[in-house]
Amino acid sequence: MSRSSSPPLSKTTVLVLALGVFAVFIAWVITQSQQIARYPDAPAKMIKQLRFEDRPDGSIAVVDYQSKQQVDVIIGEAGFMRGALRTLAQERKRREIGSEPPFELIARQDGRLTLADPSTGRMIDLESFGVINSQHFARLLRTDANQTQQR
């Protein structure tokens, strides 16, 4: 009986094949990790469209998009609020979207609160950062014109 002899795979070939399989596996893991696991959003109970306007004194005016009335002002550090707004603003800048379109502050029927940017599709689930941080934004749903509070 004669055996068809094929040359054995060299160590280099085996190593290259193993690295190729490993690279494909790593690419798959990265792709899978970028898919965000999240529960479907509950229906909105209330949506408030807001614009956030930088002022020369460093404060941020919070303006109701519909009425054009200032409903609040963010004074001082206000780290969480400024950080959340900066995150959404950076995405707008990357996409060359101006500051005119409003953001949406969404109170959901299950009690969650979402800050959304309809112009980019980005959303921040505010309750994920703790009750105190989400309360800073929740206040904006209840504010009247000309109310100012330092944070």
C-alpha atoms as a PDB file:
ATOM      1  CA  MET A   1       0.000   0.000   0.000  1.00  0.00           C
ATOM      2  CA  SER A   2       1.271   3.296  -0.858  1.00  0.00           C
ATOM      3  CA  ARG A   3       0.511   6.310   1.202  1.00  0.00           C
ATOM      4  CA  SER A   4       0.184   9.625  -0.380  1.00  0.00           C
ATOM      5  CA  SER A   5       2.713  11.630   1.369  1.00  0.00           C
ATOM      6  CA  SER A   6       2.000  15.227   1.948  1.00  0.00           C
ATOM      7  CA  PRO A   7       4.711  17.231   3.544  1.00  0.00           C
ATOM      8  CA  PRO A   8       4.159  17.726   7.255  1.00  0.00           C
ATOM      9  CA  LEU A   9       3.294  21.198   8.340  1.00  0.00           C
ATOM     10  CA  SER A  10       6.283  23.114   9.510  1.00  0.00           C
ATOM     11  CA  LYS A  11       6.382  24.695  12.938  1.00  0.00           C
ATOM     12  CA  THR A  12       6.236  28.124  11.295  1.00  0.00           C
ATOM     13  CA  THR A  13       3.088  27.237   9.360  1.00  0.00           C
ATOM     14  CA  VAL A  14       1.397  25.904  12.476  1.00  0.00           C
ATOM     15  CA  LEU A  15       2.387  29.039  14.387  1.00  0.00           C
ATOM     16  CA  VAL A  16       1.062  31.336  11.640  1.00  0.00           C
ATOM     17  CA  LEU A  17      -2.227  29.407  11.503  1.00  0.00           C
ATOM     18  CA  ALA A  18      -2.563  29.533  15.300  1.00  0.00           C
ATOM     19  CA  LEU A  19      -1.908  33.289  15.333  1.00  0.00           C
ATOM     20  CA  GLY A  20      -4.479  33.764  12.582  1.00  0.00           C
ATOM     21  CA  VAL A  21      -7.123  31.822  14.527  1.00  0.00           C
ATOM     22  CA  PHE A  22      -6.214  33.783  17.671  1.00  0.00           C
ATOM     23  CA  ALA A  23      -6.540  37.123  15.808  1.00  0.00           C
ATOM     24  CA  VAL A  24      -9.969  36.144  14.488  1.00  0.00           C
ATOM     25  CA  PHE A  25     -11.025  35.123  18.001  1.00  0.00           C
ATOM     26  CA  ILE A  26      -9.825  38.438  19.490  1.00  0.00           C
ATOM     27  CA  ALA A  27     -11.655  40.398  16.771  1.00  0.00           C
ATOM     28  CA  TRP A  28     -14.845  38.459  17.568  1.00  0.00           C
ATOM     29  CA  VAL A  29     -14.479  39.110  21.323  1.00  0.00           C
ATOM     30  CA  ILE A  30     -13.996  42.841  20.733  1.00  0.00           C
ATOM     31  CA  THR A  31     -17.042  42.984  18.451  1.00  0.00           C
ATOM     32  CA  GLN A  32     -19.167  41.157  21.007  1.00  0.00           C
ATOM     33  CA  SER A  33     -18.007  43.363  23.877  1.00  0.00           C
ATOM     34  CA  GLN A  34     -19.024  46.508  22.010  1.00  0.00           C
ATOM     35  CA  GLN A  35     -22.626  45.390  21.870  1.00  0.00           C
ATOM     36  CA  ILE A  36     -24.247  46.951  24.904  1.00  0.00           C
ATOM     37  CA  ALA A  37     -26.569  44.713  26.859  1.00  0.00           C
ATOM     38  CA  ARG A  38     -29.459  46.838  28.046  1.00  0.00           C
ATOM     39  CA  TYR A  39     -33.061  46.381  28.851  1.00  0.00           C
ATOM     40  CA  PRO A  40     -35.594  47.993  26.557  1.00  0.00           C
ATOM     41  CA  ASP A  41     -36.499  51.479  27.692  1.00  0.00           C
ATOM     42  CA  ALA A  42     -39.818  51.925  29.446  1.00  0.00           C
ATOM     43  CA  PRO A  43     -42.247  54.308  27.754  1.00  0.00           C
ATOM     44  CA  ALA A  44     -41.707  57.995  28.426  1.00  0.00           C
ATOM     45  CA  LYS A  45     -43.852  59.594  31.091  1.00  0.00           C
ATOM     46  CA  MET A  46     -42.484  63.070  30.343  1.00  0.00           C
ATOM     47  CA  ILE A  47     -40.024  64.529  27.836  1.00  0.00           C
ATOM     48  CA  LYS A  48     -38.507  67.959  28.218  1.00  0.00           C
ATOM     49  CA  GLN A  49     -36.481  69.419  25.379  1.00  0.00           C
ATOM     50  CA  LEU A  50     -33.594  71.495  26.688  1.00  0.00           C
ATOM     51  CA  ARG A  51     -30.690  73.505  25.361  1.00  0.00           C
ATOM     52  CA  PHE A  52     -27.573  74.063  27.432  1.00  0.00           C
ATOM     53  CA  GLU A  53     -25.844  77.356  26.631  1.00  0.00           C
ATOM     54  CA  ASP A  54     -22.388  78.313  27.849  1.00  0.00           C
ATOM     55  CA  ARG A  55     -22.236  81.777  29.418  1.00  0.00           C
ATOM     56  CA  PRO A  56     -19.194  84.096  29.570  1.00  0.00           C
ATOM     57  CA  ASP A  57     -19.017  83.741  33.362  1.00  0.00           C
ATOM     58  CA  GLY A  58     -18.523  79.956  33.065  1.00  0.00           C
ATOM     59  CA  SER A  59     -22.060  79.046  34.019  1.00  0.00           C
ATOM     60  CA  ILE A  60     -24.396  77.037  31.796  1.00  0.00           C
ATOM     61  CA  ALA A  61     -27.899  78.345  31.128  1.00  0.00           C
ATOM     62  CA  VAL A  62     -30.560  75.653  30.880  1.00  0.00           C
ATOM     63  CA  VAL A  63     -33.196  76.787  28.400  1.00  0.00           C
ATOM     64  CA  ASP A  64     -36.566  75.161  27.682  1.00  0.00           C
ATOM     65  CA  TYR A  65     -36.464  74.626  23.915  1.00  0.00           C
ATOM     66  CA  GLN A  66     -40.211  75.149  23.429  1.00  0.00           C
ATOM     67  CA  SER A  67     -40.728  78.296  25.481  1.00  0.00           C
ATOM     68  CA  LYS A  68     -37.181  79.689  25.014  1.00  0.00           C
ATOM     69  CA  GLN A  69     -37.249  80.501  28.752  1.00  0.00           C
ATOM     70  CA  GLN A  70     -34.257  79.918  30.976  1.00  0.00           C
ATOM     71  CA  VAL A  71     -35.328  77.337  33.538  1.00  0.00           C
ATOM     72  CA  ASP A  72     -32.110  76.944  35.478  1.00  0.00           C
ATOM     73  CA  VAL A  73     -28.435  77.780  35.528  1.00  0.00           C
ATOM     74  CA  ILE A  74     -25.563  75.462  36.349  1.00  0.00           C
ATOM     75  CA  ILE A  75     -23.054  77.349  38.478  1.00  0.00           C
ATOM     76  CA  GLY A  76     -19.806  76.067  39.852  1.00  0.00           C
ATOM     77  CA  GLU A  77     -18.182  72.729  39.342  1.00  0.00           C
ATOM     78  CA  ALA A  78     -21.303  70.527  38.964  1.00  0.00           C
ATOM     79  CA  GLY A  79     -19.002  67.730  37.858  1.00  0.00           C
ATOM     80  CA  PHE A  80     -21.536  65.077  36.932  1.00  0.00           C
ATOM     81  CA  MET A  81     -23.820  67.413  35.004  1.00  0.00           C
ATOM     82  CA  ARG A  82     -20.962  69.039  33.128  1.00  0.00           C
ATOM     83  CA  GLY A  83     -19.410  65.646  32.402  1.00  0.00           C
ATOM     84  CA  ALA A  84     -22.637  64.201  30.994  1.00  0.00           C
ATOM     85  CA  LEU A  85     -23.195  67.265  28.823  1.00  0.00           C
ATOM     86  CA  ARG A  86     -19.576  67.252  27.663  1.00  0.00           C
ATOM     87  CA  THR A  87     -19.894  63.618  26.579  1.00  0.00           C
ATOM     88  CA  LEU A  88     -22.887  64.380  24.382  1.00  0.00           C
ATOM     89  CA  ALA A  89     -21.366  67.629  23.070  1.00  0.00           C
ATOM     90  CA  GLN A  90     -18.171  65.837  22.008  1.00  0.00           C
ATOM     91  CA  GLU A  91     -20.196  63.433  19.884  1.00  0.00           C
ATOM     92  CA  ARG A  92     -21.942  66.383  18.225  1.00  0.00           C
ATOM     93  CA  LYS A  93     -18.583  67.996  17.537  1.00  0.00           C
ATOM     94  CA  ARG A  94     -17.261  64.780  15.950  1.00  0.00           C
ATOM     95  CA  ARG A  95     -20.292  64.705  13.670  1.00  0.00           C
ATOM     96  CA  GLU A  96     -20.129  68.459  13.008  1.00  0.00           C
ATOM     97  CA  ILE A  97     -23.564  69.072  14.530  1.00  0.00           C
ATOM     98  CA  GLY A  98     -24.061  72.489  16.077  1.00  0.00           C
ATOM     99  CA  SER A  99     -25.526  73.311  19.474  1.00  0.00           C
ATOM    100  CA  GLU A 100     -28.946  74.351  18.167  1.00  0.00           C
ATOM    101  CA  PRO A 101     -30.803  70.983  18.306  1.00  0.00           C
ATOM    102  CA  PRO A 102     -32.209  70.321  21.782  1.00  0.00           C
ATOM    103  CA  PHE A 103     -31.344  67.488  24.090  1.00  0.00           C
ATOM    104  CA  GLU A 104     -34.189  65.481  25.601  1.00  0.00           C
ATOM    105  CA  LEU A 105     -34.545  64.786  29.282  1.00  0.00           C
ATOM    106  CA  ILE A 106     -36.834  61.774  29.503  1.00  0.00           C
ATOM    107  CA  ALA A 107     -38.612  60.638  32.665  1.00  0.00           C
ATOM    108  CA  ARG A 108     -39.700  57.049  32.128  1.00  0.00           C
ATOM    109  CA  GLN A 109     -42.703  55.256  33.572  1.00  0.00           C
ATOM    110  CA  ASP A 110     -40.444  52.893  35.523  1.00  0.00           C
ATOM    111  CA  GLY A 111     -38.763  55.826  37.298  1.00  0.00           C
ATOM    112  CA  ARG A 112     -35.582  55.867  35.221  1.00  0.00           C
ATOM    113  CA  LEU A 113     -34.232  59.096  33.778  1.00  0.00           C
ATOM    114  CA  THR A 114     -32.481  59.400  30.414  1.00  0.00           C
ATOM    115  CA  LEU A 115     -30.592  62.281  28.847  1.00  0.00           C
ATOM    116  CA  ALA A 116     -30.784  61.803  25.082  1.00  0.00           C
ATOM    117  CA  ASP A 117     -29.424  63.567  22.047  1.00  0.00           C
ATOM    118  CA  PRO A 118     -31.812  62.843  19.167  1.00  0.00           C
ATOM    119  CA  SER A 119     -29.380  64.424  16.689  1.00  0.00           C
ATOM    120  CA  THR A 120     -26.731  61.744  17.372  1.00  0.00           C
ATOM    121  CA  GLY A 121     -28.772  58.922  18.893  1.00  0.00           C
ATOM    122  CA  ARG A 122     -26.599  58.917  22.037  1.00  0.00           C
ATOM    123  CA  MET A 123     -28.276  58.368  25.411  1.00  0.00           C
ATOM    124  CA  ILE A 124     -27.122  58.430  29.003  1.00  0.00           C
ATOM    125  CA  ASP A 125     -29.114  56.441  31.552  1.00  0.00           C
ATOM    126  CA  LEU A 126     -28.681  58.853  34.435  1.00  0.00           C
ATOM    127  CA  GLU A 127     -29.797  56.528  37.224  1.00  0.00           C
ATOM    128  CA  SER A 128     -26.808  54.341  36.396  1.00  0.00           C
ATOM    129  CA  PHE A 129     -24.644  56.967  38.099  1.00  0.00           C
ATOM    130  CA  GLY A 130     -26.548  56.954  41.367  1.00  0.00           C
ATOM    131  CA  VAL A 131     -29.582  58.660  42.816  1.00  0.00           C
ATOM    132  CA  ILE A 132     -27.850  61.899  43.782  1.00  0.00           C
ATOM    133  CA  ASN A 133     -26.407  62.419  40.304  1.00  0.00           C
ATOM    134  CA  SER A 134     -29.698  61.657  38.550  1.00  0.00           C
ATOM    135  CA  GLN A 135     -31.539  64.037  40.922  1.00  0.00           C
ATOM    136  CA  HIS A 136     -29.506  66.954  39.566  1.00  0.00           C
ATOM    137  CA  PHE A 137     -31.122  66.348  36.179  1.00  0.00           C
ATOM    138  CA  ALA A 138     -34.527  65.370  37.618  1.00  0.00           C
ATOM    139  CA  ARG A 139     -34.746  68.873  39.088  1.00  0.00           C
ATOM    140  CA  LEU A 140     -34.785  70.244  35.552  1.00  0.00           C
ATOM    141  CA  LEU A 141     -38.117  68.540  34.957  1.00  0.00           C
ATOM    142  CA  ARG A 142     -39.654  70.484  37.834  1.00  0.00           C
ATOM    143  CA  THR A 143     -38.026  73.893  37.478  1.00  0.00           C
ATOM    144  CA  ASP A 144     -39.833  77.149  36.802  1.00  0.00           C
ATOM    145  CA  ALA A 145     -38.430  80.029  34.785  1.00  0.00           C
ATOM    146  CA  ASN A 146     -35.803  82.193  36.492  1.00  0.00           C
ATOM    147  CA  GLN A 147     -35.029  79.620  39.195  1.00  0.00           C
ATOM    148  CA  THR A 148     -31.343  79.548  39.995  1.00  0.00           C
ATOM    149  CA  GLN A 149     -29.549  77.143  42.282  1.00  0.00           C
ATOM    150  CA  GLN A 150     -25.862  76.672  42.828  1.00  0.00           C
ATOM    151  CA  ARG A 151     -24.508  73.132  42.766  1.00  0.00           C
END
